[in-house]
PDB file of all heavy atoms in Angstrom:
ATOM      1  N   LYS A   1       4.259  45.616 -41.863  1.00  0.00           N
ATOM      2  CA  LYS A   1       4.540  44.800 -40.679  1.00  0.00           C
ATOM      3  C   LYS A   1       4.071  43.368 -40.896  1.00  0.00           C
ATOM      4  O   LYS A   1       4.803  42.415 -40.606  1.00  0.00           O
ATOM      5  CB  LYS A   1       3.861  45.402 -39.450  1.00  0.00           C
ATOM      6  CG  LYS A   1       4.126  44.632 -38.159  1.00  0.00           C
ATOM      7  CD  LYS A   1       3.523  45.358 -36.975  1.00  0.00           C
ATOM      8  CE  LYS A   1       2.477  44.480 -36.360  1.00  0.00           C
ATOM      9  NZ  LYS A   1       1.828  45.085 -35.195  1.00  0.00           N
ATOM     10  N   GLN A   2       2.862  43.210 -41.428  1.00  0.00           N
ATOM     11  CA  GLN A   2       2.329  41.867 -41.677  1.00  0.00           C
ATOM     12  C   GLN A   2       3.170  41.129 -42.717  1.00  0.00           C
ATOM     13  O   GLN A   2       3.418  39.930 -42.590  1.00  0.00           O
ATOM     14  CB  GLN A   2       0.857  41.933 -42.112  1.00  0.00           C
ATOM     15  CG  GLN A   2      -0.084  42.409 -41.020  1.00  0.00           C
ATOM     16  CD  GLN A   2       0.022  41.596 -39.732  1.00  0.00           C
ATOM     17  OE1 GLN A   2       0.147  40.385 -39.755  1.00  0.00           O
ATOM     18  NE2 GLN A   2      -0.010  42.297 -38.599  1.00  0.00           N
ATOM     19  N   GLU A   3       3.622  41.849 -43.737  1.00  0.00           N
ATOM     20  CA  GLU A   3       4.481  41.230 -44.751  1.00  0.00           C
ATOM     21  C   GLU A   3       5.815  40.820 -44.134  1.00  0.00           C
ATOM     22  O   GLU A   3       6.342  39.748 -44.414  1.00  0.00           O
ATOM     23  CB  GLU A   3       4.716  42.188 -45.915  1.00  0.00           C
ATOM     24  CG  GLU A   3       5.505  41.554 -47.037  1.00  0.00           C
ATOM     25  CD  GLU A   3       5.650  42.444 -48.257  1.00  0.00           C
ATOM     26  OE1 GLU A   3       4.767  43.278 -48.511  1.00  0.00           O
ATOM     27  OE2 GLU A   3       6.668  42.293 -48.951  1.00  0.00           O
ATOM     28  N   TYR A   4       6.350  41.674 -43.254  1.00  0.00           N
ATOM     29  CA  TYR A   4       7.602  41.353 -42.570  1.00  0.00           C
ATOM     30  C   TYR A   4       7.436  40.097 -41.722  1.00  0.00           C
ATOM     31  O   TYR A   4       8.274  39.194 -41.755  1.00  0.00           O
ATOM     32  CB  TYR A   4       8.072  42.528 -41.699  1.00  0.00           C
ATOM     33  CG  TYR A   4       9.294  42.172 -40.900  1.00  0.00           C
ATOM     34  CD1 TYR A   4      10.562  42.250 -41.475  1.00  0.00           C
ATOM     35  CD2 TYR A   4       9.189  41.702 -39.600  1.00  0.00           C
ATOM     36  CE1 TYR A   4      11.691  41.874 -40.763  1.00  0.00           C
ATOM     37  CE2 TYR A   4      10.310  41.316 -38.876  1.00  0.00           C
ATOM     38  CZ  TYR A   4      11.549  41.408 -39.466  1.00  0.00           C
ATOM     39  OH  TYR A   4      12.667  41.017 -38.767  1.00  0.00           O
ATOM     40  N   ILE A   5       6.345  40.031 -40.970  1.00  0.00           N
ATOM     41  CA  ILE A   5       6.083  38.870 -40.106  1.00  0.00           C
ATOM     42  C   ILE A   5       5.963  37.601 -40.952  1.00  0.00           C
ATOM     43  O   ILE A   5       6.524  36.557 -40.604  1.00  0.00           O
ATOM     44  CB  ILE A   5       4.818  39.095 -39.246  1.00  0.00           C
ATOM     45  CG1 ILE A   5       5.106  40.164 -38.179  1.00  0.00           C
ATOM     46  CG2 ILE A   5       4.345  37.793 -38.603  1.00  0.00           C
ATOM     47  CD1 ILE A   5       3.873  40.648 -37.437  1.00  0.00           C
ATOM     48  N   LYS A   6       5.262  37.709 -42.063  1.00  0.00           N
ATOM     49  CA  LYS A   6       5.108  36.561 -42.959  1.00  0.00           C
ATOM     50  C   LYS A   6       6.475  36.077 -43.454  1.00  0.00           C
ATOM     51  O   LYS A   6       6.761  34.874 -43.448  1.00  0.00           O
ATOM     52  CB  LYS A   6       4.219  36.960 -44.145  1.00  0.00           C
ATOM     53  CG  LYS A   6       3.953  35.865 -45.127  1.00  0.00           C
ATOM     54  CD  LYS A   6       3.059  36.388 -46.251  1.00  0.00           C
ATOM     55  CE  LYS A   6       2.996  35.388 -47.382  1.00  0.00           C
ATOM     56  NZ  LYS A   6       2.377  35.946 -48.575  1.00  0.00           N
ATOM     57  N   GLU A   7       7.328  37.021 -43.871  1.00  0.00           N
ATOM     58  CA  GLU A   7       8.664  36.666 -44.337  1.00  0.00           C
ATOM     59  C   GLU A   7       9.499  36.063 -43.212  1.00  0.00           C
ATOM     60  O   GLU A   7      10.241  35.106 -43.419  1.00  0.00           O
ATOM     61  CB  GLU A   7       9.373  37.890 -44.917  1.00  0.00           C
ATOM     62  CG  GLU A   7       8.808  38.341 -46.240  1.00  0.00           C
ATOM     63  CD  GLU A   7       9.464  39.600 -46.777  1.00  0.00           C
ATOM     64  OE1 GLU A   7      10.476  40.082 -46.189  1.00  0.00           O
ATOM     65  OE2 GLU A   7       8.983  40.108 -47.802  1.00  0.00           O
ATOM     66  N   LYS A   8       9.366  36.618 -42.014  1.00  0.00           N
ATOM     67  CA  LYS A   8      10.122  36.127 -40.854  1.00  0.00           C
ATOM     68  C   LYS A   8       9.709  34.689 -40.528  1.00  0.00           C
ATOM     69  O   LYS A   8      10.562  33.826 -40.315  1.00  0.00           O
ATOM     70  CB  LYS A   8       9.863  37.040 -39.650  1.00  0.00           C
ATOM     71  CG  LYS A   8      10.557  36.599 -38.384  1.00  0.00           C
ATOM     72  CD  LYS A   8      10.240  37.528 -37.235  1.00  0.00           C
ATOM     73  CE  LYS A   8      10.877  37.022 -35.955  1.00  0.00           C
ATOM     74  NZ  LYS A   8      10.659  37.925 -34.844  1.00  0.00           N
ATOM     75  N   LEU A   9       8.409  34.437 -40.500  1.00  0.00           N
ATOM     76  CA  LEU A   9       7.922  33.093 -40.196  1.00  0.00           C
ATOM     77  C   LEU A   9       8.350  32.099 -41.276  1.00  0.00           C
ATOM     78  O   LEU A   9       8.710  30.960 -40.970  1.00  0.00           O
ATOM     79  CB  LEU A   9       6.394  33.094 -40.030  1.00  0.00           C
ATOM     80  CG  LEU A   9       5.870  33.852 -38.812  1.00  0.00           C
ATOM     81  CD1 LEU A   9       4.353  33.919 -38.842  1.00  0.00           C
ATOM     82  CD2 LEU A   9       6.363  33.224 -37.521  1.00  0.00           C
ATOM     83  N   GLU A  10       8.320  32.526 -42.519  1.00  0.00           N
ATOM     84  CA  GLU A  10       8.750  31.668 -43.624  1.00  0.00           C
ATOM     85  C   GLU A  10      10.245  31.358 -43.503  1.00  0.00           C
ATOM     86  O   GLU A  10      10.670  30.222 -43.725  1.00  0.00           O
ATOM     87  CB  GLU A  10       8.437  32.339 -44.970  1.00  0.00           C
ATOM     88  CG  GLU A  10       8.710  31.473 -46.163  1.00  0.00           C
ATOM     89  CD  GLU A  10       7.814  30.249 -46.290  1.00  0.00           C
ATOM     90  OE1 GLU A  10       6.771  30.160 -45.611  1.00  0.00           O
ATOM     91  OE2 GLU A  10       8.167  29.359 -47.089  1.00  0.00           O
ATOM     92  N   PHE A  11      11.034  32.344 -43.109  1.00  0.00           N
ATOM     93  CA  PHE A  11      12.465  32.119 -42.910  1.00  0.00           C
ATOM     94  C   PHE A  11      12.697  31.138 -41.769  1.00  0.00           C
ATOM     95  O   PHE A  11      13.527  30.229 -41.878  1.00  0.00           O
ATOM     96  CB  PHE A  11      13.198  33.434 -42.625  1.00  0.00           C
ATOM     97  CG  PHE A  11      14.642  33.235 -42.269  1.00  0.00           C
ATOM     98  CD1 PHE A  11      15.568  32.916 -43.253  1.00  0.00           C
ATOM     99  CD2 PHE A  11      15.073  33.342 -40.963  1.00  0.00           C
ATOM    100  CE1 PHE A  11      16.914  32.705 -42.931  1.00  0.00           C
ATOM    101  CE2 PHE A  11      16.403  33.127 -40.630  1.00  0.00           C
ATOM    102  CZ  PHE A  11      17.325  32.808 -41.610  1.00  0.00           C
ATOM    103  N   GLN A  12      11.940  31.300 -40.668  1.00  0.00           N
ATOM    104  CA  GLN A  12      12.087  30.386 -39.537  1.00  0.00           C
ATOM    105  C   GLN A  12      11.707  28.958 -39.934  1.00  0.00           C
ATOM    106  O   GLN A  12      12.298  27.998 -39.465  1.00  0.00           O
ATOM    107  CB  GLN A  12      11.232  30.861 -38.355  1.00  0.00           C
ATOM    108  CG  GLN A  12      11.775  32.109 -37.704  1.00  0.00           C
ATOM    109  CD  GLN A  12      10.844  32.701 -36.659  1.00  0.00           C
ATOM    110  OE1 GLN A  12       9.655  32.376 -36.609  1.00  0.00           O
ATOM    111  NE2 GLN A  12      11.367  33.580 -35.828  1.00  0.00           N
ATOM    112  N   ARG A  13      10.726  28.838 -40.817  1.00  0.00           N
ATOM    113  CA  ARG A  13      10.258  27.529 -41.256  1.00  0.00           C
ATOM    114  C   ARG A  13      11.239  26.874 -42.226  1.00  0.00           C
ATOM    115  O   ARG A  13      11.527  25.691 -42.132  1.00  0.00           O
ATOM    116  CB  ARG A  13       8.883  27.680 -41.914  1.00  0.00           C
ATOM    117  CG  ARG A  13       8.191  26.370 -42.248  1.00  0.00           C
ATOM    118  CD  ARG A  13       6.822  26.597 -42.861  1.00  0.00           C
ATOM    119  NE  ARG A  13       6.879  27.144 -44.213  1.00  0.00           N
ATOM    120  CZ  ARG A  13       7.176  26.440 -45.306  1.00  0.00           C
ATOM    121  NH1 ARG A  13       7.464  25.176 -45.221  1.00  0.00           N
ATOM    122  NH2 ARG A  13       7.196  27.018 -46.480  1.00  0.00           N
ATOM    123  N   THR A  14      11.785  27.669 -43.169  1.00  0.00           N
ATOM    124  CA  THR A  14      12.604  27.097 -44.241  1.00  0.00           C
ATOM    125  C   THR A  14      14.102  27.327 -44.071  1.00  0.00           C
ATOM    126  O   THR A  14      14.898  26.584 -44.638  1.00  0.00           O
ATOM    127  CB  THR A  14      12.209  27.702 -45.609  1.00  0.00           C
ATOM    128  OG1 THR A  14      12.507  29.105 -45.594  1.00  0.00           O
ATOM    129  CG2 THR A  14      10.751  27.469 -45.919  1.00  0.00           C
ATOM    130  N   GLY A  15      14.475  28.379 -43.360  1.00  0.00           N
ATOM    131  CA  GLY A  15      15.885  28.731 -43.244  1.00  0.00           C
ATOM    132  C   GLY A  15      16.408  29.467 -44.472  1.00  0.00           C
ATOM    133  O   GLY A  15      17.594  29.714 -44.604  1.00  0.00           O
ATOM    134  N   ILE A  16      15.511  29.818 -45.392  1.00  0.00           N
ATOM    135  CA  ILE A  16      15.899  30.518 -46.619  1.00  0.00           C
ATOM    136  C   ILE A  16      15.330  31.938 -46.579  1.00  0.00           C
ATOM    137  O   ILE A  16      14.128  32.119 -46.431  1.00  0.00           O
ATOM    138  CB  ILE A  16      15.365  29.787 -47.874  1.00  0.00           C
ATOM    139  CG1 ILE A  16      15.869  28.333 -47.900  1.00  0.00           C
ATOM    140  CG2 ILE A  16      15.781  30.528 -49.141  1.00  0.00           C
ATOM    141  CD1 ILE A  16      15.201  27.491 -48.959  1.00  0.00           C
ATOM    142  N   ALA A  17      16.207  32.923 -46.727  1.00  0.00           N
ATOM    143  CA  ALA A  17      15.765  34.318 -46.736  1.00  0.00           C
ATOM    144  C   ALA A  17      14.933  34.587 -47.986  1.00  0.00           C
ATOM    145  O   ALA A  17      15.153  33.967 -49.025  1.00  0.00           O
ATOM    146  CB  ALA A  17      16.968  35.253 -46.695  1.00  0.00           C
ATOM    147  N   THR A  18      14.001  35.515 -47.905  1.00  0.00           N
ATOM    148  CA  THR A  18      13.108  35.834 -49.017  1.00  0.00           C
ATOM    149  C   THR A  18      13.880  36.154 -50.287  1.00  0.00           C
ATOM    150  O   THR A  18      13.546  35.676 -51.352  1.00  0.00           O
ATOM    151  CB  THR A  18      12.211  37.033 -48.654  1.00  0.00           C
ATOM    152  OG1 THR A  18      11.493  36.695 -47.473  1.00  0.00           O
ATOM    153  CG2 THR A  18      11.235  37.356 -49.753  1.00  0.00           C
ATOM    154  N   LYS A  19      14.919  36.972 -50.171  1.00  0.00           N
ATOM    155  CA  LYS A  19      15.662  37.373 -51.364  1.00  0.00           C
ATOM    156  C   LYS A  19      16.396  36.198 -52.008  1.00  0.00           C
ATOM    157  O   LYS A  19      16.690  36.230 -53.185  1.00  0.00           O
ATOM    158  CB  LYS A  19      16.614  38.524 -51.063  1.00  0.00           C
ATOM    159  CG  LYS A  19      17.656  38.231 -50.011  1.00  0.00           C
ATOM    160  CD  LYS A  19      18.463  39.476 -49.712  1.00  0.00           C
ATOM    161  CE  LYS A  19      19.288  39.272 -48.449  1.00  0.00           C
ATOM    162  NZ  LYS A  19      19.804  40.501 -47.958  1.00  0.00           N
ATOM    163  N   ASN A  20      16.671  35.147 -51.244  1.00  0.00           N
ATOM    164  CA  ASN A  20      17.351  33.971 -51.793  1.00  0.00           C
ATOM    165  C   ASN A  20      16.371  32.895 -52.252  1.00  0.00           C
ATOM    166  O   ASN A  20      16.743  31.977 -52.960  1.00  0.00           O
ATOM    167  CB  ASN A  20      18.297  33.363 -50.758  1.00  0.00           C
ATOM    168  CG  ASN A  20      19.406  34.320 -50.382  1.00  0.00           C
ATOM    169  OD1 ASN A  20      19.772  35.183 -51.175  1.00  0.00           O
ATOM    170  ND2 ASN A  20      19.920  34.195 -49.189  1.00  0.00           N
ATOM    171  N   ARG A  21      15.126  32.996 -51.844  1.00  0.00           N
ATOM    172  CA  ARG A  21      14.134  31.967 -52.122  1.00  0.00           C
ATOM    173  C   ARG A  21      13.754  31.904 -53.599  1.00  0.00           C
ATOM    174  O   ARG A  21      13.328  30.879 -54.097  1.00  0.00           O
ATOM    175  CB  ARG A  21      12.881  32.225 -51.272  1.00  0.00           C
ATOM    176  CG  ARG A  21      12.037  30.986 -51.090  1.00  0.00           C
ATOM    177  CD  ARG A  21      10.901  31.196 -50.119  1.00  0.00           C
ATOM    178  NE  ARG A  21      11.392  31.659 -48.840  1.00  0.00           N
ATOM    179  CZ  ARG A  21      10.884  32.693 -48.186  1.00  0.00           C
ATOM    180  NH1 ARG A  21       9.878  33.372 -48.664  1.00  0.00           N
ATOM    181  NH2 ARG A  21      11.385  33.072 -47.037  1.00  0.00           N
ATOM    182  N   THR A  22      13.918  32.992 -54.317  1.00  0.00           N
ATOM    183  CA  THR A  22      13.496  33.039 -55.709  1.00  0.00           C
ATOM    184  C   THR A  22      14.564  32.511 -56.667  1.00  0.00           C
ATOM    185  O   THR A  22      14.342  32.485 -57.867  1.00  0.00           O
ATOM    186  CB  THR A  22      13.112  34.474 -56.114  1.00  0.00           C
ATOM    187  OG1 THR A  22      14.224  35.324 -55.864  1.00  0.00           O
ATOM    188  CG2 THR A  22      11.902  34.954 -55.348  1.00  0.00           C
ATOM    189  N   GLN A  23      15.715  32.106 -56.135  1.00  0.00           N
ATOM    190  CA  GLN A  23      16.763  31.576 -56.993  1.00  0.00           C
ATOM    191  C   GLN A  23      16.302  30.270 -57.624  1.00  0.00           C
ATOM    192  O   GLN A  23      15.603  29.466 -57.015  1.00  0.00           O
ATOM    193  CB  GLN A  23      18.039  31.335 -56.199  1.00  0.00           C
ATOM    194  CG  GLN A  23      18.695  32.605 -55.741  1.00  0.00           C
ATOM    195  CD  GLN A  23      19.947  32.325 -54.911  1.00  0.00           C
ATOM    196  OE1 GLN A  23      20.190  31.212 -54.503  1.00  0.00           O
ATOM    197  NE2 GLN A  23      20.729  33.378 -54.685  1.00  0.00           N
ATOM    198  N   LYS A  24      16.743  30.052 -58.858  1.00  0.00           N
ATOM    199  CA  LYS A  24      16.358  28.842 -59.583  1.00  0.00           C
ATOM    200  C   LYS A  24      17.149  27.650 -59.076  1.00  0.00           C
ATOM    201  O   LYS A  24      18.321  27.767 -58.734  1.00  0.00           O
ATOM    202  CB  LYS A  24      16.606  29.028 -61.080  1.00  0.00           C
ATOM    203  CG  LYS A  24      15.703  30.066 -61.703  1.00  0.00           C
ATOM    204  CD  LYS A  24      15.987  30.227 -63.172  1.00  0.00           C
ATOM    205  CE  LYS A  24      15.067  31.293 -63.741  1.00  0.00           C
ATOM    206  NZ  LYS A  24      15.368  31.617 -65.114  1.00  0.00           N
TER     207      LYS A  24
END
């Protein structure tokens, strides 16, 4: 749950989904 919340907040901040964030 905490990891999900962290990812959700990061998405809200950046607009980039976690799975897309690691792209070069």
